[in-house]
PDB file of N, CA and C in Angstrom:
ATOM      1  N   MET A   1    -149.472   9.665  56.139  1.00  0.00           N
ATOM      2  CA  MET A   1    -150.721   9.700  55.985  1.00  0.00           C
ATOM      3  C   MET A   1    -151.720   8.383  55.661  1.00  0.00           C
ATOM      4  N   THR A   2    -150.805   7.401  55.058  1.00  0.00           N
ATOM      5  CA  THR A   2    -151.275   5.894  54.945  1.00  0.00           C
ATOM      6  C   THR A   2    -151.014   4.999  55.993  1.00  0.00           C
ATOM      7  N   ILE A   3    -149.630   5.572  57.125  1.00  0.00           N
ATOM      8  CA  ILE A   3    -149.804   4.631  58.063  1.00  0.00           C
ATOM      9  C   ILE A   3    -150.817   5.337  58.447  1.00  0.00           C
ATOM     10  N   LEU A   4    -151.086   6.435  58.697  1.00  0.00           N
ATOM     11  CA  LEU A   4    -152.210   6.849  59.735  1.00  0.00           C
ATOM     12  C   LEU A   4    -153.588   5.667  59.328  1.00  0.00           C
ATOM     13  N   ILE A   5    -153.704   5.809  58.462  1.00  0.00           N
ATOM     14  CA  ILE A   5    -154.775   4.632  57.642  1.00  0.00           C
ATOM     15  C   ILE A   5    -154.657   3.167  58.073  1.00  0.00           C
ATOM     16  N   TRP A   6    -153.799   2.763  57.742  1.00  0.00           N
ATOM     17  CA  TRP A   6    -153.390   1.477  58.305  1.00  0.00           C
ATOM     18  C   TRP A   6    -153.420   0.784  59.693  1.00  0.00           C
ATOM     19  N   LEU A   7    -153.121   2.464  60.375  1.00  0.00           N
ATOM     20  CA  LEU A   7    -153.007   1.427  62.270  1.00  0.00           C
ATOM     21  C   LEU A   7    -154.414   2.400  62.724  1.00  0.00           C
ATOM     22  N   LYS A   8    -155.433   3.013  62.035  1.00  0.00           N
ATOM     23  CA  LYS A   8    -156.658   3.168  62.398  1.00  0.00           C
ATOM     24  C   LYS A   8    -158.020   2.024  61.314  1.00  0.00           C
ATOM     25  N   TYR A   9    -157.046   1.544  60.730  1.00  0.00           N
ATOM     26  CA  TYR A   9    -158.151   0.956  60.076  1.00  0.00           C
ATOM     27  C   TYR A   9    -159.198   0.428  60.651  1.00  0.00           C
ATOM     28  N   ASP A  10    -159.042  -0.309  61.839  1.00  0.00           N
ATOM     29  CA  ASP A  10    -160.203  -0.822  62.430  1.00  0.00           C
ATOM     30  C   ASP A  10    -161.477  -0.019  63.083  1.00  0.00           C
ATOM     31  N   ARG A  11    -161.059   1.520  62.746  1.00  0.00           N
ATOM     32  CA  ARG A  11    -161.873   2.559  63.054  1.00  0.00           C
ATOM     33  C   ARG A  11    -162.467   3.426  62.095  1.00  0.00           C
ATOM     34  N   LEU A  12    -161.756   3.232  61.311  1.00  0.00           N
ATOM     35  CA  LEU A  12    -162.229   3.748  59.827  1.00  0.00           C
ATOM     36  C   LEU A  12    -163.102   2.756  58.951  1.00  0.00           C
ATOM     37  N   LYS A  13    -163.004   1.417  59.212  1.00  0.00           N
ATOM     38  CA  LYS A  13    -163.663   0.516  58.076  1.00  0.00           C
ATOM     39  C   LYS A  13    -165.140   0.684  58.655  1.00  0.00           C
ATOM     40  N   ASN A  14    -165.636   1.805  59.875  1.00  0.00           N
ATOM     41  CA  ASN A  14    -166.691   1.607  60.174  1.00  0.00           C
ATOM     42  C   ASN A  14    -167.540   3.071  59.334  1.00  0.00           C
ATOM     43  N   ILE A  15    -166.739   3.356  58.656  1.00  0.00           N
ATOM     44  CA  ILE A  15    -167.242   4.932  58.054  1.00  0.00           C
ATOM     45  C   ILE A  15    -167.909   3.912  56.500  1.00  0.00           C
ATOM     46  N   ARG A  16    -169.346   4.431  56.353  1.00  0.00           N
ATOM     47  CA  ARG A  16    -169.839   3.619  54.987  1.00  0.00           C
ATOM     48  C   ARG A  16    -169.514   3.993  53.670  1.00  0.00           C
ATOM     49  N   PHE A  17    -168.891   2.940  52.862  1.00  0.00           N
ATOM     50  CA  PHE A  17    -169.002   2.571  51.720  1.00  0.00           C
ATOM     51  C   PHE A  17    -167.011   3.077  52.502  1.00  0.00           C
ATOM     52  N   PHE A  18    -166.475   2.572  53.004  1.00  0.00           N
ATOM     53  CA  PHE A  18    -165.329   2.557  53.426  1.00  0.00           C
ATOM     54  C   PHE A  18    -164.428   2.221  51.784  1.00  0.00           C
ATOM     55  N   LYS A  19    -164.549   1.050  51.677  1.00  0.00           N
ATOM     56  CA  LYS A  19    -163.906   0.727  50.932  1.00  0.00           C
ATOM     57  C   LYS A  19    -163.639   1.544  49.098  1.00  0.00           C
ATOM     58  N   ILE A  20    -164.717   1.965  48.607  1.00  0.00           N
ATOM     59  CA  ILE A  20    -165.227   3.173  47.929  1.00  0.00           C
ATOM     60  C   ILE A  20    -163.862   3.940  48.288  1.00  0.00           C
ATOM     61  N   LEU A  21    -163.510   5.088  49.647  1.00  0.00           N
ATOM     62  CA  LEU A  21    -163.152   5.956  50.053  1.00  0.00           C
ATOM     63  C   LEU A  21    -161.852   5.668  49.805  1.00  0.00           C
ATOM     64  N   SER A  22    -161.717   4.222  50.776  1.00  0.00           N
ATOM     65  CA  SER A  22    -160.049   3.583  50.606  1.00  0.00           C
ATOM     66  C   SER A  22    -159.500   3.574  49.491  1.00  0.00           C
ATOM     67  N   ALA A  23    -159.841   3.061  48.273  1.00  0.00           N
ATOM     68  CA  ALA A  23    -159.304   3.069  47.425  1.00  0.00           C
ATOM     69  C   ALA A  23    -159.052   3.976  46.502  1.00  0.00           C
ATOM     70  N   GLY A  24    -159.800   5.443  46.271  1.00  0.00           N
ATOM     71  CA  GLY A  24    -159.750   6.340  45.507  1.00  0.00           C
ATOM     72  C   GLY A  24    -158.680   7.061  46.483  1.00  0.00           C
ATOM     73  N   PHE A  25    -158.460   6.786  47.871  1.00  0.00           N
ATOM     74  CA  PHE A  25    -156.841   7.472  48.480  1.00  0.00           C
ATOM     75  C   PHE A  25    -155.824   7.004  47.749  1.00  0.00           C
ATOM     76  N   TYR A  26    -155.637   5.443  47.893  1.00  0.00           N
ATOM     77  CA  TYR A  26    -154.950   4.485  47.623  1.00  0.00           C
ATOM     78  C   TYR A  26    -154.410   5.062  45.875  1.00  0.00           C
ATOM     79  N   PHE A  27    -155.478   5.400  44.885  1.00  0.00           N
ATOM     80  CA  PHE A  27    -155.383   6.271  43.692  1.00  0.00           C
ATOM     81  C   PHE A  27    -154.401   7.473  43.869  1.00  0.00           C
ATOM     82  N   PHE A  28    -154.813   8.288  44.777  1.00  0.00           N
ATOM     83  CA  PHE A  28    -154.243   9.429  45.072  1.00  0.00           C
ATOM     84  C   PHE A  28    -152.757   9.116  45.113  1.00  0.00           C
ATOM     85  N   LEU A  29    -152.938   8.121  45.908  1.00  0.00           N
ATOM     86  CA  LEU A  29    -151.087   7.735  46.970  1.00  0.00           C
ATOM     87  C   LEU A  29    -150.191   7.391  45.564  1.00  0.00           C
ATOM     88  N   ALA A  30    -150.970   6.655  44.834  1.00  0.00           N
ATOM     89  CA  ALA A  30    -150.068   6.206  43.440  1.00  0.00           C
ATOM     90  C   ALA A  30    -149.574   7.135  42.561  1.00  0.00           C
ATOM     91  N   GLY A  31    -150.912   7.908  42.096  1.00  0.00           N
ATOM     92  CA  GLY A  31    -150.239   9.169  41.332  1.00  0.00           C
ATOM     93  C   GLY A  31    -149.310  10.000  41.734  1.00  0.00           C
ATOM     94  N   TRP A  32    -149.449  10.109  43.459  1.00  0.00           N
ATOM     95  CA  TRP A  32    -148.336  10.994  44.084  1.00  0.00           C
ATOM     96  C   TRP A  32    -146.979  10.261  43.640  1.00  0.00           C
ATOM     97  N   LEU A  33    -146.624   8.848  43.958  1.00  0.00           N
ATOM     98  CA  LEU A  33    -145.689   8.188  43.550  1.00  0.00           C
ATOM     99  C   LEU A  33    -145.029   8.317  42.143  1.00  0.00           C
ATOM    100  N   PHE A  34    -146.288   8.145  41.306  1.00  0.00           N
ATOM    101  CA  PHE A  34    -145.662   8.118  39.839  1.00  0.00           C
ATOM    102  C   PHE A  34    -144.956   9.882  39.611  1.00  0.00           C
ATOM    103  N   SER A  35    -146.358  10.582  40.188  1.00  0.00           N
ATOM    104  CA  SER A  35    -145.587  12.047  40.247  1.00  0.00           C
ATOM    105  C   SER A  35    -143.983  12.166  40.510  1.00  0.00           C
ATOM    106  N   SER A  36    -143.549  11.735  41.660  1.00  0.00           N
ATOM    107  CA  SER A  36    -142.443  11.895  42.390  1.00  0.00           C
ATOM    108  C   SER A  36    -141.181  11.000  41.342  1.00  0.00           C
ATOM    109  N   LEU A  37    -141.777  10.196  40.862  1.00  0.00           N
ATOM    110  CA  LEU A  37    -140.509   9.275  40.231  1.00  0.00           C
ATOM    111  C   LEU A  37    -140.600   9.760  38.777  1.00  0.00           C
ATOM    112  N   GLU A  38    -141.218  10.422  38.074  1.00  0.00           N
ATOM    113  CA  GLU A  38    -141.351  10.396  36.841  1.00  0.00           C
ATOM    114  C   GLU A  38    -139.772  11.636  36.624  1.00  0.00           C
ATOM    115  N   GLY A  39    -139.420  12.270  37.454  1.00  0.00           N
ATOM    116  CA  GLY A  39    -138.286  13.309  37.608  1.00  0.00           C
ATOM    117  C   GLY A  39    -137.367  12.509  37.433  1.00  0.00           C
ATOM    118  N   PHE A  40    -137.100  10.788  37.583  1.00  0.00           N
ATOM    119  CA  PHE A  40    -136.168   9.754  37.255  1.00  0.00           C
ATOM    120  C   PHE A  40    -135.817   9.001  36.304  1.00  0.00           C
ATOM    121  N   PHE A  41    -136.812   8.851  35.533  1.00  0.00           N
ATOM    122  CA  PHE A  41    -137.279   7.597  34.729  1.00  0.00           C
ATOM    123  C   PHE A  41    -138.722   7.692  34.180  1.00  0.00           C
ATOM    124  N   TRP A  42    -138.486   7.566  32.777  1.00  0.00           N
ATOM    125  CA  TRP A  42    -140.404   6.710  32.441  1.00  0.00           C
ATOM    126  C   TRP A  42    -141.398   8.000  32.668  1.00  0.00           C
ATOM    127  N   GLU A  43    -140.209   9.183  31.622  1.00  0.00           N
ATOM    128  CA  GLU A  43    -141.499  10.318  32.169  1.00  0.00           C
ATOM    129  C   GLU A  43    -142.442  10.636  31.489  1.00  0.00           C
ATOM    130  N   SER A  44    -142.775  10.082  30.505  1.00  0.00           N
ATOM    131  CA  SER A  44    -143.969   9.958  29.430  1.00  0.00           C
ATOM    132  C   SER A  44    -144.962   9.104  30.425  1.00  0.00           C
ATOM    133  N   LEU A  45    -144.504   7.961  30.244  1.00  0.00           N
ATOM    134  CA  LEU A  45    -145.117   6.908  31.094  1.00  0.00           C
ATOM    135  C   LEU A  45    -145.710   6.959  32.353  1.00  0.00           C
ATOM    136  N   LEU A  46    -144.938   7.786  33.527  1.00  0.00           N
ATOM    137  CA  LEU A  46    -145.460   7.938  34.157  1.00  0.00           C
ATOM    138  C   LEU A  46    -146.230   9.214  34.615  1.00  0.00           C
ATOM    139  N   ASN A  47    -146.144  10.305  33.822  1.00  0.00           N
ATOM    140  CA  ASN A  47    -147.164  11.409  34.025  1.00  0.00           C
ATOM    141  C   ASN A  47    -148.085  10.520  33.081  1.00  0.00           C
ATOM    142  N   ILE A  48    -148.209  10.207  32.152  1.00  0.00           N
ATOM    143  CA  ILE A  48    -149.814   9.880  31.904  1.00  0.00           C
ATOM    144  C   ILE A  48    -150.753   8.833  32.882  1.00  0.00           C
ATOM    145  N   SER A  49    -149.837   7.905  33.968  1.00  0.00           N
ATOM    146  CA  SER A  49    -149.978   7.300  34.858  1.00  0.00           C
ATOM    147  C   SER A  49    -150.510   7.988  36.075  1.00  0.00           C
ATOM    148  N   GLU A  50    -149.430   9.016  36.307  1.00  0.00           N
ATOM    149  CA  GLU A  50    -150.076   9.997  37.577  1.00  0.00           C
ATOM    150  C   GLU A  50    -151.416  10.811  37.171  1.00  0.00           C
ATOM    151  N   HIS A  51    -151.819  11.094  35.654  1.00  0.00           N
ATOM    152  CA  HIS A  51    -152.983  11.622  35.501  1.00  0.00           C
ATOM    153  C   HIS A  51    -154.181  10.575  35.599  1.00  0.00           C
ATOM    154  N   ILE A  52    -154.193   9.640  34.985  1.00  0.00           N
ATOM    155  CA  ILE A  52    -155.251   8.668  35.373  1.00  0.00           C
ATOM    156  C   ILE A  52    -155.360   8.147  36.695  1.00  0.00           C
ATOM    157  N   CYS A  53    -154.439   7.888  37.381  1.00  0.00           N
ATOM    158  CA  CYS A  53    -154.576   7.963  38.704  1.00  0.00           C
ATOM    159  C   CYS A  53    -155.058   8.957  39.339  1.00  0.00           C
ATOM    160  N   TYR A  54    -155.220  10.119  38.913  1.00  0.00           N
ATOM    161  CA  TYR A  54    -155.883  10.714  39.768  1.00  0.00           C
ATOM    162  C   TYR A  54    -157.103  10.931  39.212  1.00  0.00           C
ATOM    163  N   LEU A  55    -157.534  10.852  37.907  1.00  0.00           N
ATOM    164  CA  LEU A  55    -158.764  10.932  37.634  1.00  0.00           C
ATOM    165  C   LEU A  55    -159.933   9.623  38.421  1.00  0.00           C
ATOM    166  N   ILE A  56    -158.844   8.202  38.133  1.00  0.00           N
ATOM    167  CA  ILE A  56    -160.021   7.611  38.837  1.00  0.00           C
ATOM    168  C   ILE A  56    -159.911   7.982  40.083  1.00  0.00           C
ATOM    169  N   GLY A  57    -158.983   8.331  40.988  1.00  0.00           N
ATOM    170  CA  GLY A  57    -159.426   8.523  42.535  1.00  0.00           C
ATOM    171  C   GLY A  57    -160.019   9.884  42.378  1.00  0.00           C
ATOM    172  N   SER A  58    -160.356  10.742  41.313  1.00  0.00           N
ATOM    173  CA  SER A  58    -161.579  11.937  41.610  1.00  0.00           C
ATOM    174  C   SER A  58    -162.969  11.300  41.683  1.00  0.00           C
ATOM    175  N   LEU A  59    -162.881  10.120  40.412  1.00  0.00           N
ATOM    176  CA  LEU A  59    -164.121   9.572  40.055  1.00  0.00           C
ATOM    177  C   LEU A  59    -164.724   8.967  41.708  1.00  0.00           C
ATOM    178  N   LEU A  60    -164.095   8.014  41.599  1.00  0.00           N
ATOM    179  CA  LEU A  60    -163.939   7.425  43.039  1.00  0.00           C
ATOM    180  C   LEU A  60    -164.474   8.103  44.552  1.00  0.00           C
ATOM    181  N   LEU A  61    -163.730   9.143  44.868  1.00  0.00           N
ATOM    182  CA  LEU A  61    -164.105  10.256  45.540  1.00  0.00           C
ATOM    183  C   LEU A  61    -165.792  10.664  45.493  1.00  0.00           C
ATOM    184  N   ALA A  62    -166.236  10.848  44.280  1.00  0.00           N
ATOM    185  CA  ALA A  62    -166.966  11.614  43.845  1.00  0.00           C
ATOM    186  C   ALA A  62    -168.268  10.810  44.327  1.00  0.00           C
ATOM    187  N   TYR A  63    -168.096   9.307  43.523  1.00  0.00           N
ATOM    188  CA  TYR A  63    -168.734   8.149  43.877  1.00  0.00           C
ATOM    189  C   TYR A  63    -169.016   7.831  45.433  1.00  0.00           C
ATOM    190  N   TRP A  64    -168.283   8.263  45.971  1.00  0.00           N
ATOM    191  CA  TRP A  64    -168.336   7.842  47.338  1.00  0.00           C
ATOM    192  C   TRP A  64    -169.068   9.115  48.285  1.00  0.00           C
ATOM    193  N   ILE A  65    -169.081  10.228  47.671  1.00  0.00           N
ATOM    194  CA  ILE A  65    -169.651  11.177  48.042  1.00  0.00           C
ATOM    195  C   ILE A  65    -171.723  11.088  47.881  1.00  0.00           C
ATOM    196  N   TYR A  66    -171.407  10.634  46.441  1.00  0.00           N
ATOM    197  CA  TYR A  66    -172.994  10.444  45.984  1.00  0.00           C
ATOM    198  C   TYR A  66    -173.576   9.161  46.786  1.00  0.00           C
ATOM    199  N   LYS A  67    -172.717   8.185  47.144  1.00  0.00           N
ATOM    200  CA  LYS A  67    -173.665   7.170  48.125  1.00  0.00           C
ATOM    201  C   LYS A  67    -173.648   7.540  49.313  1.00  0.00           C
ATOM    202  N   ILE A  68    -172.630   8.018  50.287  1.00  0.00           N
ATOM    203  CA  ILE A  68    -173.166   8.597  50.930  1.00  0.00           C
ATOM    204  C   ILE A  68    -174.372   9.449  51.511  1.00  0.00           C
ATOM    205  N   SER A  69    -174.537  10.117  50.740  1.00  0.00           N
ATOM    206  CA  SER A  69    -175.569  11.325  50.499  1.00  0.00           C
ATOM    207  C   SER A  69    -176.985  11.057  50.507  1.00  0.00           C
ATOM    208  N   GLY A  70    -176.787   9.387  50.091  1.00  0.00           N
ATOM    209  CA  GLY A  70    -178.597   9.195  49.751  1.00  0.00           C
ATOM    210  C   GLY A  70    -178.988   9.738  49.034  1.00  0.00           C
ATOM    211  N   VAL A  71    -178.809  10.232  47.950  1.00  0.00           N
ATOM    212  CA  VAL A  71    -179.302  10.859  46.521  1.00  0.00           C
ATOM    213  C   VAL A  71    -179.820   9.863  46.002  1.00  0.00           C
ATOM    214  N   LYS A  72    -181.240  10.107  45.417  1.00  0.00           N
ATOM    215  CA  LYS A  72    -182.067   9.156  44.693  1.00  0.00           C
ATOM    216  C   LYS A  72    -181.943   9.600  43.017  1.00  0.00           C
ATOM    217  N   ILE A  73    -181.655   9.733  42.397  1.00  0.00           N
ATOM    218  CA  ILE A  73    -181.587  10.262  40.914  1.00  0.00           C
ATOM    219  C   ILE A  73    -182.661   9.157  39.879  1.00  0.00           C
ATOM    220  N   GLU A  74    -183.975   9.985  39.680  1.00  0.00           N
ATOM    221  CA  GLU A  74    -184.575   8.866  38.613  1.00  0.00           C
ATOM    222  C   GLU A  74    -185.008   9.560  37.269  1.00  0.00           C
ATOM    223  N   VAL A  75    -184.705   8.476  36.750  1.00  0.00           N
ATOM    224  CA  VAL A  75    -184.407   8.673  35.715  1.00  0.00           C
ATOM    225  C   VAL A  75    -186.224   8.273  34.782  1.00  0.00           C
ATOM    226  N   LYS A  76    -186.782   9.467  34.114  1.00  0.00           N
ATOM    227  CA  LYS A  76    -187.545   9.959  33.139  1.00  0.00           C
ATOM    228  C   LYS A  76    -187.883   9.130  31.720  1.00  0.00           C
TER     229      LYS A  76
END
């Protein structure tokens, strides 16, 4: 999937707020890598890093959806 993003970057960068979306994707990728590596060494550190990456990736994805939806929130 990452290779497809790099190969199609010129087309994908036209997506509104693409930097937010791609940052979220890379956090998910980092979480997946940490998950794979935690079986070999630094189990606790990589496990917490994995979950932090998934949290940040999820927040970025939610923020991207909020930004592209165009919803305005009024504070009274």
